[in-house]
Amino acid sequence: MRGPPVTGASLRVGRQAEPGFQSWCNDSKAAPPHGWFRFRKRKHDNIQARNRKEEGQNKVNPLSPVLLSFESFQKELDAKHDKYERLVKLSRDVTIESKRTIFLLHRVISVSDVGELLGESETKFDDIRLKIQQIAQELIGEDTCQFQRAFSPGLQEYVEAVSFQQFIKTRTLISLDEINKQLIFTPKTEETEHSKDLALPCSQDEKQEQQPLSFHVTPTDYLLGIADLTGELMRLCITSVGNGDIETPFEVSQFLRAIYDGFTYIGNTGPYEVSKKHYTLKQSLGKVEDACYMLTVRGSEIPKHVLADVLSSKPSVIEHEEGV
């Protein structure tokens, strides 16, 4: 059986009873017994370390150039992180509004007045461009590449929505130059006229605000947005079949085939994200071609209101190519 726990007092009493302790007390030059100052020495070391730390803190000069430079680095990094978070929030708002605009444009098949629907989508695009203008204002005087990952998802969704509207209007693909022309922001005429009437000297920041501001979509974001467009066109094809529209699937099929050929020319020479979406693009094209096949071969056998269910339930068989 184990005895009672050994406390510090019992250890001290035990040490006094040992003959080594008595000899050390009688002879002051003798070395103390092994482990006798174990606890007391640790406490003394902690006090010395604390004193050294306090002395080191007292010696720090708040006006030291090194300390001042690190404080400036801290402020610069904090400002950069805050701007990054603001850009992420703006990109999230652009993504949400672009998705809502895409959902609105999918109603083009079921509504009678297409012009009214397109006008409503233009109003939504104006609100989205205001968000993109705020992104452009945040990037004034900054290196855009440092913040590219913050706002890139929103731009891709915007390109997808704009290209989807362009296809509904003209059955063509919008170009990168046309998208960038829509992102040139000029100051309001009322503000410019008011500043001219006052004829007061303007600061450098006010002059920058009065100058036209432009934002450029990168070719990578444009290609990724077009790759996402193919999924929306595939959904438009299936929905049009369910509503009895036989011409739209064949138009979408030719359009997707042209886009797929363009992405095939890029191959693995383009950005890594583009090559990842190449297989998804091929899947969308395969589903649309299956729909066209069903309409051509078995369109007279299956009722129109059942074709959409048959096409959506039928899996698309696509061989996975190496390197895609």
C-alpha atoms as a PDB file:
ATOM      1  CA  MET A   1       0.000   0.000   0.000  1.00  0.00           C
ATOM      2  CA  ARG A   2       1.076   3.564  -0.697  1.00  0.00           C
ATOM      3  CA  GLY A   3       1.742   5.854   2.225  1.00  0.00           C
ATOM      4  CA  PRO A   4       0.544   9.432   2.706  1.00  0.00           C
ATOM      5  CA  PRO A   5       1.658  12.059   0.167  1.00  0.00           C
ATOM      6  CA  VAL A   6       5.022  13.622   0.773  1.00  0.00           C
ATOM      7  CA  THR A   7       4.784  17.374   1.299  1.00  0.00           C
ATOM      8  CA  GLY A   8       7.413  20.104   1.268  1.00  0.00           C
ATOM      9  CA  ALA A   9       7.485  20.270   5.060  1.00  0.00           C
ATOM     10  CA  SER A  10       8.186  16.558   5.386  1.00  0.00           C
ATOM     11  CA  LEU A  11      10.993  16.891   2.821  1.00  0.00           C
ATOM     12  CA  ARG A  12      12.605  19.664   4.836  1.00  0.00           C
ATOM     13  CA  VAL A  13      12.268  17.674   8.040  1.00  0.00           C
ATOM     14  CA  GLY A  14      13.760  14.647   6.299  1.00  0.00           C
ATOM     15  CA  ARG A  15      16.666  16.718   5.019  1.00  0.00           C
ATOM     16  CA  GLN A  16      17.431  17.994   8.507  1.00  0.00           C
ATOM     17  CA  ALA A  17      17.529  14.434   9.798  1.00  0.00           C
ATOM     18  CA  GLU A  18      20.075  13.359   7.184  1.00  0.00           C
ATOM     19  CA  PRO A  19      23.762  13.330   8.264  1.00  0.00           C
ATOM     20  CA  GLY A  20      24.780  15.155   5.071  1.00  0.00           C
ATOM     21  CA  PHE A  21      22.648  18.097   6.037  1.00  0.00           C
ATOM     22  CA  GLN A  22      24.260  18.336   9.503  1.00  0.00           C
ATOM     23  CA  SER A  23      27.785  18.234   8.046  1.00  0.00           C
ATOM     24  CA  TRP A  24      26.946  20.942   5.519  1.00  0.00           C
ATOM     25  CA  CYS A  25      25.545  23.193   8.283  1.00  0.00           C
ATOM     26  CA  ASN A  26      28.715  22.774  10.396  1.00  0.00           C
ATOM     27  CA  ASP A  27      31.100  23.390   7.471  1.00  0.00           C
ATOM     28  CA  SER A  28      30.066  26.465   5.412  1.00  0.00           C
ATOM     29  CA  LYS A  29      32.699  25.735   2.708  1.00  0.00           C
ATOM     30  CA  ALA A  30      31.275  22.307   1.951  1.00  0.00           C
ATOM     31  CA  ALA A  31      28.994  21.827  -1.052  1.00  0.00           C
ATOM     32  CA  PRO A  32      25.289  21.495  -0.228  1.00  0.00           C
ATOM     33  CA  PRO A  33      23.632  18.106  -0.626  1.00  0.00           C
ATOM     34  CA  HIS A  34      22.409  17.201  -4.122  1.00  0.00           C
ATOM     35  CA  GLY A  35      18.983  18.633  -4.865  1.00  0.00           C
ATOM     36  CA  TRP A  36      18.665  20.616  -1.652  1.00  0.00           C
ATOM     37  CA  PHE A  37      18.197  24.018  -3.289  1.00  0.00           C
ATOM     38  CA  ARG A  38      16.098  22.606  -6.087  1.00  0.00           C
ATOM     39  CA  PHE A  39      12.899  24.533  -5.305  1.00  0.00           C
ATOM     40  CA  ARG A  40      14.523  27.643  -3.911  1.00  0.00           C
ATOM     41  CA  LYS A  41      16.901  27.958  -6.880  1.00  0.00           C
ATOM     42  CA  ARG A  42      14.067  27.825  -9.410  1.00  0.00           C
ATOM     43  CA  LYS A  43      12.251  30.599  -7.604  1.00  0.00           C
ATOM     44  CA  HIS A  44      15.407  32.717  -7.567  1.00  0.00           C
ATOM     45  CA  ASP A  45      15.888  32.164 -11.320  1.00  0.00           C
ATOM     46  CA  ASN A  46      12.342  33.280 -12.072  1.00  0.00           C
ATOM     47  CA  ILE A  47      12.906  36.486 -10.134  1.00  0.00           C
ATOM     48  CA  GLN A  48      16.111  37.184 -12.035  1.00  0.00           C
ATOM     49  CA  ALA A  49      14.461  36.522 -15.414  1.00  0.00           C
ATOM     50  CA  ARG A  50      11.603  38.857 -14.507  1.00  0.00           C
ATOM     51  CA  ASN A  51      14.034  41.553 -13.491  1.00  0.00           C
ATOM     52  CA  ARG A  52      15.960  41.162 -16.728  1.00  0.00           C
ATOM     53  CA  LYS A  53      12.726  41.436 -18.740  1.00  0.00           C
ATOM     54  CA  GLU A  54      11.692  44.608 -16.925  1.00  0.00           C
ATOM     55  CA  GLU A  55      15.144  46.097 -17.433  1.00  0.00           C
ATOM     56  CA  GLY A  56      14.940  45.232 -21.172  1.00  0.00           C
ATOM     57  CA  GLN A  57      11.535  46.887 -21.487  1.00  0.00           C
ATOM     58  CA  ASN A  58      12.783  49.991 -19.757  1.00  0.00           C
ATOM     59  CA  LYS A  59      15.737  50.176 -22.144  1.00  0.00           C
ATOM     60  CA  VAL A  60      13.498  50.191 -25.314  1.00  0.00           C
ATOM     61  CA  ASN A  61      13.492  53.624 -26.868  1.00  0.00           C
ATOM     62  CA  PRO A  62      10.059  54.495 -28.304  1.00  0.00           C
ATOM     63  CA  LEU A  63      11.735  56.865 -30.777  1.00  0.00           C
ATOM     64  CA  SER A  64      14.042  54.182 -32.127  1.00  0.00           C
ATOM     65  CA  PRO A  65      14.182  54.162 -35.962  1.00  0.00           C
ATOM     66  CA  VAL A  66      13.760  50.392 -35.992  1.00  0.00           C
ATOM     67  CA  LEU A  67      10.673  50.551 -33.795  1.00  0.00           C
ATOM     68  CA  LEU A  68       9.193  53.392 -35.841  1.00  0.00           C
ATOM     69  CA  SER A  69       9.792  51.526 -39.097  1.00  0.00           C
ATOM     70  CA  PHE A  70       8.040  48.415 -37.774  1.00  0.00           C
ATOM     71  CA  GLU A  71       5.087  50.526 -36.631  1.00  0.00           C
ATOM     72  CA  SER A  72       4.814  51.936 -40.153  1.00  0.00           C
ATOM     73  CA  PHE A  73       4.940  48.374 -41.523  1.00  0.00           C
ATOM     74  CA  GLN A  74       2.126  47.415 -39.177  1.00  0.00           C
ATOM     75  CA  LYS A  75      -0.068  50.298 -40.331  1.00  0.00           C
ATOM     76  CA  GLU A  76       0.624  49.490 -43.983  1.00  0.00           C
ATOM     77  CA  LEU A  77      -0.263  45.811 -43.565  1.00  0.00           C
ATOM     78  CA  ASP A  78      -3.419  46.632 -41.604  1.00  0.00           C
ATOM     79  CA  ALA A  79      -4.545  49.035 -44.337  1.00  0.00           C
ATOM     80  CA  LYS A  80      -3.864  46.416 -47.000  1.00  0.00           C
ATOM     81  CA  HIS A  81      -5.814  43.718 -45.135  1.00  0.00           C
ATOM     82  CA  ASP A  82      -8.749  46.083 -44.573  1.00  0.00           C
ATOM     83  CA  LYS A  83      -8.845  46.955 -48.268  1.00  0.00           C
ATOM     84  CA  TYR A  84      -8.683  43.267 -49.181  1.00  0.00           C
ATOM     85  CA  GLU A  85     -11.709  42.542 -46.976  1.00  0.00           C
ATOM     86  CA  ARG A  86     -13.656  45.428 -48.516  1.00  0.00           C
ATOM     87  CA  LEU A  87     -12.922  44.089 -52.001  1.00  0.00           C
ATOM     88  CA  VAL A  88     -14.070  40.607 -50.963  1.00  0.00           C
ATOM     89  CA  LYS A  89     -17.396  42.038 -49.735  1.00  0.00           C
ATOM     90  CA  LEU A  90     -17.892  44.018 -52.940  1.00  0.00           C
ATOM     91  CA  SER A  91     -17.089  40.944 -55.030  1.00  0.00           C
ATOM     92  CA  ARG A  92     -19.631  38.943 -53.029  1.00  0.00           C
ATOM     93  CA  ASP A  93     -22.288  41.590 -53.720  1.00  0.00           C
ATOM     94  CA  VAL A  94     -21.470  41.512 -57.446  1.00  0.00           C
ATOM     95  CA  THR A  95     -21.751  37.712 -57.453  1.00  0.00           C
ATOM     96  CA  ILE A  96     -25.158  37.737 -55.722  1.00  0.00           C
ATOM     97  CA  GLU A  97     -26.644  40.383 -58.007  1.00  0.00           C
ATOM     98  CA  SER A  98     -25.254  38.680 -61.116  1.00  0.00           C
ATOM     99  CA  LYS A  99     -26.836  35.367 -60.109  1.00  0.00           C
ATOM    100  CA  ARG A 100     -30.180  37.096 -59.569  1.00  0.00           C
ATOM    101  CA  THR A 101     -29.905  38.651 -63.027  1.00  0.00           C
ATOM    102  CA  ILE A 102     -29.211  35.232 -64.555  1.00  0.00           C
ATOM    103  CA  PHE A 103     -32.287  33.790 -62.820  1.00  0.00           C
ATOM    104  CA  LEU A 104     -34.290  36.691 -64.226  1.00  0.00           C
ATOM    105  CA  LEU A 105     -33.030  36.083 -67.761  1.00  0.00           C
ATOM    106  CA  HIS A 106     -34.025  32.410 -67.578  1.00  0.00           C
ATOM    107  CA  ARG A 107     -37.653  33.577 -67.567  1.00  0.00           C
ATOM    108  CA  VAL A 108     -37.255  34.792 -71.138  1.00  0.00           C
ATOM    109  CA  ILE A 109     -38.864  31.605 -72.480  1.00  0.00           C
ATOM    110  CA  SER A 110     -42.008  31.793 -70.351  1.00  0.00           C
ATOM    111  CA  VAL A 111     -42.779  35.538 -70.620  1.00  0.00           C
ATOM    112  CA  SER A 112     -44.585  37.230 -73.476  1.00  0.00           C
ATOM    113  CA  ASP A 113     -42.844  40.620 -73.361  1.00  0.00           C
ATOM    114  CA  VAL A 114     -39.135  39.935 -73.786  1.00  0.00           C
ATOM    115  CA  GLY A 115     -38.264  43.629 -74.083  1.00  0.00           C
ATOM    116  CA  GLU A 116     -39.595  44.413 -70.642  1.00  0.00           C
ATOM    117  CA  LEU A 117     -37.581  41.547 -69.194  1.00  0.00           C
ATOM    118  CA  LEU A 118     -34.385  42.762 -70.875  1.00  0.00           C
ATOM    119  CA  GLY A 119     -35.034  46.292 -69.617  1.00  0.00           C
ATOM    120  CA  GLU A 120     -35.364  45.008 -66.072  1.00  0.00           C
ATOM    121  CA  SER A 121     -32.080  43.152 -66.483  1.00  0.00           C
ATOM    122  CA  GLU A 122     -30.390  46.356 -67.677  1.00  0.00           C
ATOM    123  CA  THR A 123     -31.508  48.067 -64.469  1.00  0.00           C
ATOM    124  CA  LYS A 124     -29.896  45.289 -62.463  1.00  0.00           C
ATOM    125  CA  PHE A 125     -26.708  45.559 -64.506  1.00  0.00           C
ATOM    126  CA  ASP A 126     -26.519  49.285 -63.729  1.00  0.00           C
ATOM    127  CA  ASP A 127     -26.551  48.452 -60.010  1.00  0.00           C
ATOM    128  CA  ILE A 128     -23.852  45.824 -60.535  1.00  0.00           C
ATOM    129  CA  ARG A 129     -21.649  48.312 -62.394  1.00  0.00           C
ATOM    130  CA  LEU A 130     -21.918  50.687 -59.456  1.00  0.00           C
ATOM    131  CA  LYS A 131     -20.410  47.944 -57.284  1.00  0.00           C
ATOM    132  CA  ILE A 132     -17.640  47.426 -59.839  1.00  0.00           C
ATOM    133  CA  GLN A 133     -17.031  51.177 -59.816  1.00  0.00           C
ATOM    134  CA  GLN A 134     -16.455  50.971 -56.057  1.00  0.00           C
ATOM    135  CA  ILE A 135     -13.926  48.195 -56.704  1.00  0.00           C
ATOM    136  CA  ALA A 136     -12.153  50.420 -59.234  1.00  0.00           C
ATOM    137  CA  GLN A 137     -12.049  53.266 -56.715  1.00  0.00           C
ATOM    138  CA  GLU A 138     -10.495  50.980 -54.112  1.00  0.00           C
ATOM    139  CA  LEU A 139      -7.767  49.998 -56.588  1.00  0.00           C
ATOM    140  CA  ILE A 140      -6.652  53.544 -57.431  1.00  0.00           C
ATOM    141  CA  GLY A 141      -2.898  53.735 -56.924  1.00  0.00           C
ATOM    142  CA  GLU A 142      -2.670  50.040 -55.961  1.00  0.00           C
ATOM    143  CA  ASP A 143      -1.119  47.019 -57.602  1.00  0.00           C
ATOM    144  CA  THR A 144      -4.118  45.148 -59.010  1.00  0.00           C
ATOM    145  CA  CYS A 145      -2.316  41.806 -58.977  1.00  0.00           C
ATOM    146  CA  GLN A 146      -2.080  41.882 -55.174  1.00  0.00           C
ATOM    147  CA  PHE A 147      -5.885  42.025 -54.855  1.00  0.00           C
ATOM    148  CA  GLN A 148      -6.845  39.943 -57.913  1.00  0.00           C
ATOM    149  CA  ARG A 149      -8.064  36.950 -55.913  1.00  0.00           C
ATOM    150  CA  ALA A 150     -10.334  39.187 -53.836  1.00  0.00           C
ATOM    151  CA  PHE A 151     -12.612  40.414 -56.657  1.00  0.00           C
ATOM    152  CA  SER A 152     -12.006  37.834 -59.416  1.00  0.00           C
ATOM    153  CA  PRO A 153     -15.043  35.580 -58.566  1.00  0.00           C
ATOM    154  CA  GLY A 154     -17.418  38.533 -58.813  1.00  0.00           C
ATOM    155  CA  LEU A 155     -16.059  39.567 -62.207  1.00  0.00           C
ATOM    156  CA  GLN A 156     -16.406  36.034 -63.551  1.00  0.00           C
ATOM    157  CA  GLU A 157     -20.056  35.940 -62.505  1.00  0.00           C
ATOM    158  CA  TYR A 158     -20.617  39.361 -64.070  1.00  0.00           C
ATOM    159  CA  VAL A 159     -19.093  38.210 -67.368  1.00  0.00           C
ATOM    160  CA  GLU A 160     -21.350  35.166 -67.286  1.00  0.00           C
ATOM    161  CA  ALA A 161     -24.477  37.289 -66.752  1.00  0.00           C
ATOM    162  CA  VAL A 162     -23.569  39.865 -69.418  1.00  0.00           C
ATOM    163  CA  SER A 163     -22.722  37.211 -72.010  1.00  0.00           C
ATOM    164  CA  PHE A 164     -25.974  35.383 -71.234  1.00  0.00           C
ATOM    165  CA  GLN A 165     -27.952  38.565 -71.873  1.00  0.00           C
ATOM    166  CA  GLN A 166     -26.029  39.150 -75.101  1.00  0.00           C
ATOM    167  CA  PHE A 167     -26.868  35.658 -76.324  1.00  0.00           C
ATOM    168  CA  ILE A 168     -30.570  36.153 -75.605  1.00  0.00           C
ATOM    169  CA  LYS A 169     -30.530  39.447 -77.491  1.00  0.00           C
ATOM    170  CA  THR A 170     -28.448  38.664 -80.573  1.00  0.00           C
ATOM    171  CA  ARG A 171     -27.452  34.968 -80.344  1.00  0.00           C
ATOM    172  CA  THR A 172     -23.804  36.084 -80.402  1.00  0.00           C
ATOM    173  CA  LEU A 173     -20.904  36.111 -77.949  1.00  0.00           C
ATOM    174  CA  ILE A 174     -19.921  39.382 -76.335  1.00  0.00           C
ATOM    175  CA  SER A 175     -16.255  40.302 -76.693  1.00  0.00           C
ATOM    176  CA  LEU A 176     -13.824  41.379 -73.992  1.00  0.00           C
ATOM    177  CA  ASP A 177     -13.546  44.872 -75.475  1.00  0.00           C
ATOM    178  CA  GLU A 178     -17.308  45.364 -75.304  1.00  0.00           C
ATOM    179  CA  ILE A 179     -17.332  44.359 -71.654  1.00  0.00           C
ATOM    180  CA  ASN A 180     -14.510  46.760 -70.819  1.00  0.00           C
ATOM    181  CA  LYS A 181     -16.258  49.601 -72.659  1.00  0.00           C
ATOM    182  CA  GLN A 182     -19.235  49.143 -70.348  1.00  0.00           C
ATOM    183  CA  LEU A 183     -16.915  49.564 -67.347  1.00  0.00           C
ATOM    184  CA  ILE A 184     -15.769  53.120 -68.118  1.00  0.00           C
ATOM    185  CA  PHE A 185     -17.218  55.370 -65.423  1.00  0.00           C
ATOM    186  CA  THR A 186     -17.475  59.132 -65.955  1.00  0.00           C
ATOM    187  CA  PRO A 187     -18.262  61.630 -63.186  1.00  0.00           C
ATOM    188  CA  LYS A 188     -21.777  62.977 -62.967  1.00  0.00           C
ATOM    189  CA  THR A 189     -22.496  66.017 -65.123  1.00  0.00           C
ATOM    190  CA  GLU A 190     -24.035  67.923 -62.217  1.00  0.00           C
ATOM    191  CA  GLU A 191     -20.856  67.635 -60.166  1.00  0.00           C
ATOM    192  CA  THR A 192     -18.599  68.726 -63.044  1.00  0.00           C
ATOM    193  CA  GLU A 193     -20.790  71.721 -63.868  1.00  0.00           C
ATOM    194  CA  HIS A 194     -20.898  72.704 -60.199  1.00  0.00           C
ATOM    195  CA  SER A 195     -17.105  72.583 -59.928  1.00  0.00           C
ATOM    196  CA  LYS A 196     -16.743  74.688 -63.090  1.00  0.00           C
ATOM    197  CA  ASP A 197     -19.173  77.323 -61.789  1.00  0.00           C
ATOM    198  CA  LEU A 198     -17.298  77.655 -58.517  1.00  0.00           C
ATOM    199  CA  ALA A 199     -13.918  77.811 -60.296  1.00  0.00           C
ATOM    200  CA  LEU A 200     -12.103  76.918 -57.094  1.00  0.00           C
ATOM    201  CA  PRO A 201      -8.688  75.265 -56.997  1.00  0.00           C
ATOM    202  CA  CYS A 202      -9.135  71.512 -56.592  1.00  0.00           C
ATOM    203  CA  SER A 203      -6.853  69.152 -54.739  1.00  0.00           C
ATOM    204  CA  GLN A 204      -5.182  66.181 -56.413  1.00  0.00           C
ATOM    205  CA  ASP A 205      -7.734  63.708 -55.001  1.00  0.00           C
ATOM    206  CA  GLU A 206     -10.651  65.803 -56.259  1.00  0.00           C
ATOM    207  CA  LYS A 207      -9.069  65.987 -59.722  1.00  0.00           C
ATOM    208  CA  GLN A 208      -8.779  62.190 -59.789  1.00  0.00           C
ATOM    209  CA  GLU A 209     -12.460  61.869 -58.871  1.00  0.00           C
ATOM    210  CA  GLN A 210     -13.459  64.171 -61.745  1.00  0.00           C
ATOM    211  CA  GLN A 211     -11.449  62.183 -64.298  1.00  0.00           C
ATOM    212  CA  PRO A 212     -13.129  59.183 -65.980  1.00  0.00           C
ATOM    213  CA  LEU A 213     -12.439  55.920 -64.186  1.00  0.00           C
ATOM    214  CA  SER A 214     -12.087  52.623 -66.050  1.00  0.00           C
ATOM    215  CA  PHE A 215     -11.883  49.021 -64.959  1.00  0.00           C
ATOM    216  CA  HIS A 216     -10.448  46.252 -67.126  1.00  0.00           C
ATOM    217  CA  VAL A 217     -11.518  42.628 -66.955  1.00  0.00           C
ATOM    218  CA  THR A 218      -8.553  40.317 -67.423  1.00  0.00           C
ATOM    219  CA  PRO A 219      -8.595  37.718 -70.226  1.00  0.00           C
ATOM    220  CA  THR A 220      -8.494  34.938 -67.609  1.00  0.00           C
ATOM    221  CA  ASP A 221     -11.640  36.196 -65.852  1.00  0.00           C
ATOM    222  CA  TYR A 222     -13.308  36.598 -69.251  1.00  0.00           C
ATOM    223  CA  LEU A 223     -12.542  33.004 -70.282  1.00  0.00           C
ATOM    224  CA  LEU A 224     -13.681  31.613 -66.929  1.00  0.00           C
ATOM    225  CA  GLY A 225     -16.937  33.559 -67.173  1.00  0.00           C
ATOM    226  CA  ILE A 226     -17.579  32.256 -70.695  1.00  0.00           C
ATOM    227  CA  ALA A 227     -16.868  28.704 -69.512  1.00  0.00           C
ATOM    228  CA  ASP A 228     -19.539  29.135 -66.812  1.00  0.00           C
ATOM    229  CA  LEU A 229     -21.917  30.495 -69.459  1.00  0.00           C
ATOM    230  CA  THR A 230     -22.111  27.082 -71.111  1.00  0.00           C
ATOM    231  CA  GLY A 231     -23.888  25.644 -68.075  1.00  0.00           C
ATOM    232  CA  GLU A 232     -26.561  28.347 -68.216  1.00  0.00           C
ATOM    233  CA  LEU A 233     -27.044  27.761 -71.947  1.00  0.00           C
ATOM    234  CA  MET A 234     -27.496  24.050 -71.290  1.00  0.00           C
ATOM    235  CA  ARG A 235     -30.253  24.848 -68.738  1.00  0.00           C
ATOM    236  CA  LEU A 236     -31.833  27.231 -71.240  1.00  0.00           C
ATOM    237  CA  CYS A 237     -31.863  24.450 -73.827  1.00  0.00           C
ATOM    238  CA  ILE A 238     -33.607  21.968 -71.522  1.00  0.00           C
ATOM    239  CA  THR A 239     -36.152  24.582 -70.382  1.00  0.00           C
ATOM    240  CA  SER A 240     -36.953  25.591 -73.948  1.00  0.00           C
ATOM    241  CA  VAL A 241     -37.643  21.961 -74.879  1.00  0.00           C
ATOM    242  CA  GLY A 242     -40.085  21.698 -72.002  1.00  0.00           C
ATOM    243  CA  ASN A 243     -41.923  24.789 -73.262  1.00  0.00           C
ATOM    244  CA  GLY A 244     -42.160  23.417 -76.787  1.00  0.00           C
ATOM    245  CA  ASP A 245     -39.408  25.570 -78.313  1.00  0.00           C
ATOM    246  CA  ILE A 246     -37.650  23.366 -80.872  1.00  0.00           C
ATOM    247  CA  GLU A 247     -35.375  25.963 -82.493  1.00  0.00           C
ATOM    248  CA  THR A 248     -33.464  27.141 -79.391  1.00  0.00           C
ATOM    249  CA  PRO A 249     -31.708  23.783 -78.673  1.00  0.00           C
ATOM    250  CA  PHE A 250     -30.166  23.700 -82.153  1.00  0.00           C
ATOM    251  CA  GLU A 251     -29.043  27.341 -81.884  1.00  0.00           C
ATOM    252  CA  VAL A 252     -27.495  26.647 -78.488  1.00  0.00           C
ATOM    253  CA  SER A 253     -25.810  23.523 -79.845  1.00  0.00           C
ATOM    254  CA  GLN A 254     -24.070  25.419 -82.653  1.00  0.00           C
ATOM    255  CA  PHE A 255     -23.073  28.197 -80.280  1.00  0.00           C
ATOM    256  CA  LEU A 256     -21.600  25.799 -77.713  1.00  0.00           C
ATOM    257  CA  ARG A 257     -19.762  23.892 -80.420  1.00  0.00           C
ATOM    258  CA  ALA A 258     -18.042  27.118 -81.506  1.00  0.00           C
ATOM    259  CA  ILE A 259     -17.080  27.930 -77.894  1.00  0.00           C
ATOM    260  CA  TYR A 260     -15.772  24.402 -77.360  1.00  0.00           C
ATOM    261  CA  ASP A 261     -13.638  24.645 -80.492  1.00  0.00           C
ATOM    262  CA  GLY A 262     -12.158  27.905 -79.208  1.00  0.00           C
ATOM    263  CA  PHE A 263     -11.288  26.392 -75.839  1.00  0.00           C
ATOM    264  CA  THR A 264      -9.790  23.393 -77.601  1.00  0.00           C
ATOM    265  CA  TYR A 265      -7.412  25.707 -79.485  1.00  0.00           C
ATOM    266  CA  ILE A 266      -6.225  27.073 -76.132  1.00  0.00           C
ATOM    267  CA  GLY A 267      -5.623  23.580 -74.744  1.00  0.00           C
ATOM    268  CA  ASN A 268      -3.143  23.378 -71.917  1.00  0.00           C
ATOM    269  CA  THR A 269      -1.319  26.554 -72.938  1.00  0.00           C
ATOM    270  CA  GLY A 270      -3.796  28.792 -71.115  1.00  0.00           C
ATOM    271  CA  PRO A 271      -4.246  29.379 -67.399  1.00  0.00           C
ATOM    272  CA  TYR A 272      -4.723  26.384 -65.120  1.00  0.00           C
ATOM    273  CA  GLU A 273      -8.266  27.407 -64.125  1.00  0.00           C
ATOM    274  CA  VAL A 274      -9.343  27.471 -67.779  1.00  0.00           C
ATOM    275  CA  SER A 275      -8.126  23.925 -68.418  1.00  0.00           C
ATOM    276  CA  LYS A 276     -10.034  22.718 -65.329  1.00  0.00           C
ATOM    277  CA  LYS A 277     -13.349  23.981 -66.741  1.00  0.00           C
ATOM    278  CA  HIS A 278     -12.754  22.486 -70.164  1.00  0.00           C
ATOM    279  CA  TYR A 279     -14.243  19.139 -69.149  1.00  0.00           C
ATOM    280  CA  THR A 280     -17.336  20.802 -67.638  1.00  0.00           C
ATOM    281  CA  LEU A 281     -17.814  22.663 -70.919  1.00  0.00           C
ATOM    282  CA  LYS A 282     -17.667  19.359 -72.782  1.00  0.00           C
ATOM    283  CA  GLN A 283     -20.310  17.882 -70.492  1.00  0.00           C
ATOM    284  CA  SER A 284     -22.686  20.774 -71.175  1.00  0.00           C
ATOM    285  CA  LEU A 285     -22.142  20.409 -74.906  1.00  0.00           C
ATOM    286  CA  GLY A 286     -22.836  16.664 -74.704  1.00  0.00           C
ATOM    287  CA  LYS A 287     -26.175  17.240 -72.918  1.00  0.00           C
ATOM    288  CA  VAL A 288     -27.261  19.794 -75.505  1.00  0.00           C
ATOM    289  CA  GLU A 289     -26.311  17.475 -78.365  1.00  0.00           C
ATOM    290  CA  ASP A 290     -28.272  14.661 -76.707  1.00  0.00           C
ATOM    291  CA  ALA A 291     -31.282  16.971 -76.594  1.00  0.00           C
ATOM    292  CA  CYS A 292     -30.930  17.773 -80.290  1.00  0.00           C
ATOM    293  CA  TYR A 293     -30.617  14.055 -81.050  1.00  0.00           C
ATOM    294  CA  MET A 294     -33.790  13.262 -79.113  1.00  0.00           C
ATOM    295  CA  LEU A 295     -35.681  16.014 -80.891  1.00  0.00           C
ATOM    296  CA  THR A 296     -34.493  14.898 -84.318  1.00  0.00           C
ATOM    297  CA  VAL A 297     -34.893  11.138 -83.950  1.00  0.00           C
ATOM    298  CA  ARG A 298     -37.643  10.650 -81.399  1.00  0.00           C
ATOM    299  CA  GLY A 299     -39.308  14.057 -81.360  1.00  0.00           C
ATOM    300  CA  SER A 300     -42.454  12.768 -83.020  1.00  0.00           C
ATOM    301  CA  GLU A 301     -42.734   9.777 -80.664  1.00  0.00           C
ATOM    302  CA  ILE A 302     -42.423  11.572 -77.306  1.00  0.00           C
ATOM    303  CA  PRO A 303     -44.881  14.335 -76.334  1.00  0.00           C
ATOM    304  CA  LYS A 304     -43.344  17.775 -75.960  1.00  0.00           C
ATOM    305  CA  HIS A 305     -44.223  18.133 -72.291  1.00  0.00           C
ATOM    306  CA  VAL A 306     -42.369  14.862 -71.535  1.00  0.00           C
ATOM    307  CA  LEU A 307     -39.205  15.653 -73.499  1.00  0.00           C
ATOM    308  CA  ALA A 308     -37.742  17.872 -70.769  1.00  0.00           C
ATOM    309  CA  ASP A 309     -38.065  15.123 -68.143  1.00  0.00           C
ATOM    310  CA  VAL A 310     -36.508  12.559 -70.472  1.00  0.00           C
ATOM    311  CA  LEU A 311     -33.562  14.812 -71.309  1.00  0.00           C
ATOM    312  CA  SER A 312     -32.889  15.841 -67.712  1.00  0.00           C
ATOM    313  CA  SER A 313     -32.981  12.237 -66.469  1.00  0.00           C
ATOM    314  CA  LYS A 314     -30.763  10.826 -69.216  1.00  0.00           C
ATOM    315  CA  PRO A 315     -27.047  10.873 -68.289  1.00  0.00           C
ATOM    316  CA  SER A 316     -24.572  12.178 -70.801  1.00  0.00           C
ATOM    317  CA  VAL A 317     -21.848   9.678 -71.706  1.00  0.00           C
ATOM    318  CA  ILE A 318     -18.603  11.475 -72.360  1.00  0.00           C
ATOM    319  CA  GLU A 319     -15.209   9.848 -72.486  1.00  0.00           C
ATOM    320  CA  HIS A 320     -12.704  11.582 -70.266  1.00  0.00           C
ATOM    321  CA  GLU A 321      -9.782  12.642 -72.402  1.00  0.00           C
ATOM    322  CA  GLU A 322      -6.296  12.626 -71.003  1.00  0.00           C
ATOM    323  CA  GLY A 323      -4.826  16.004 -70.213  1.00  0.00           C
ATOM    324  CA  VAL A 324      -8.201  17.737 -69.775  1.00  0.00           C
END
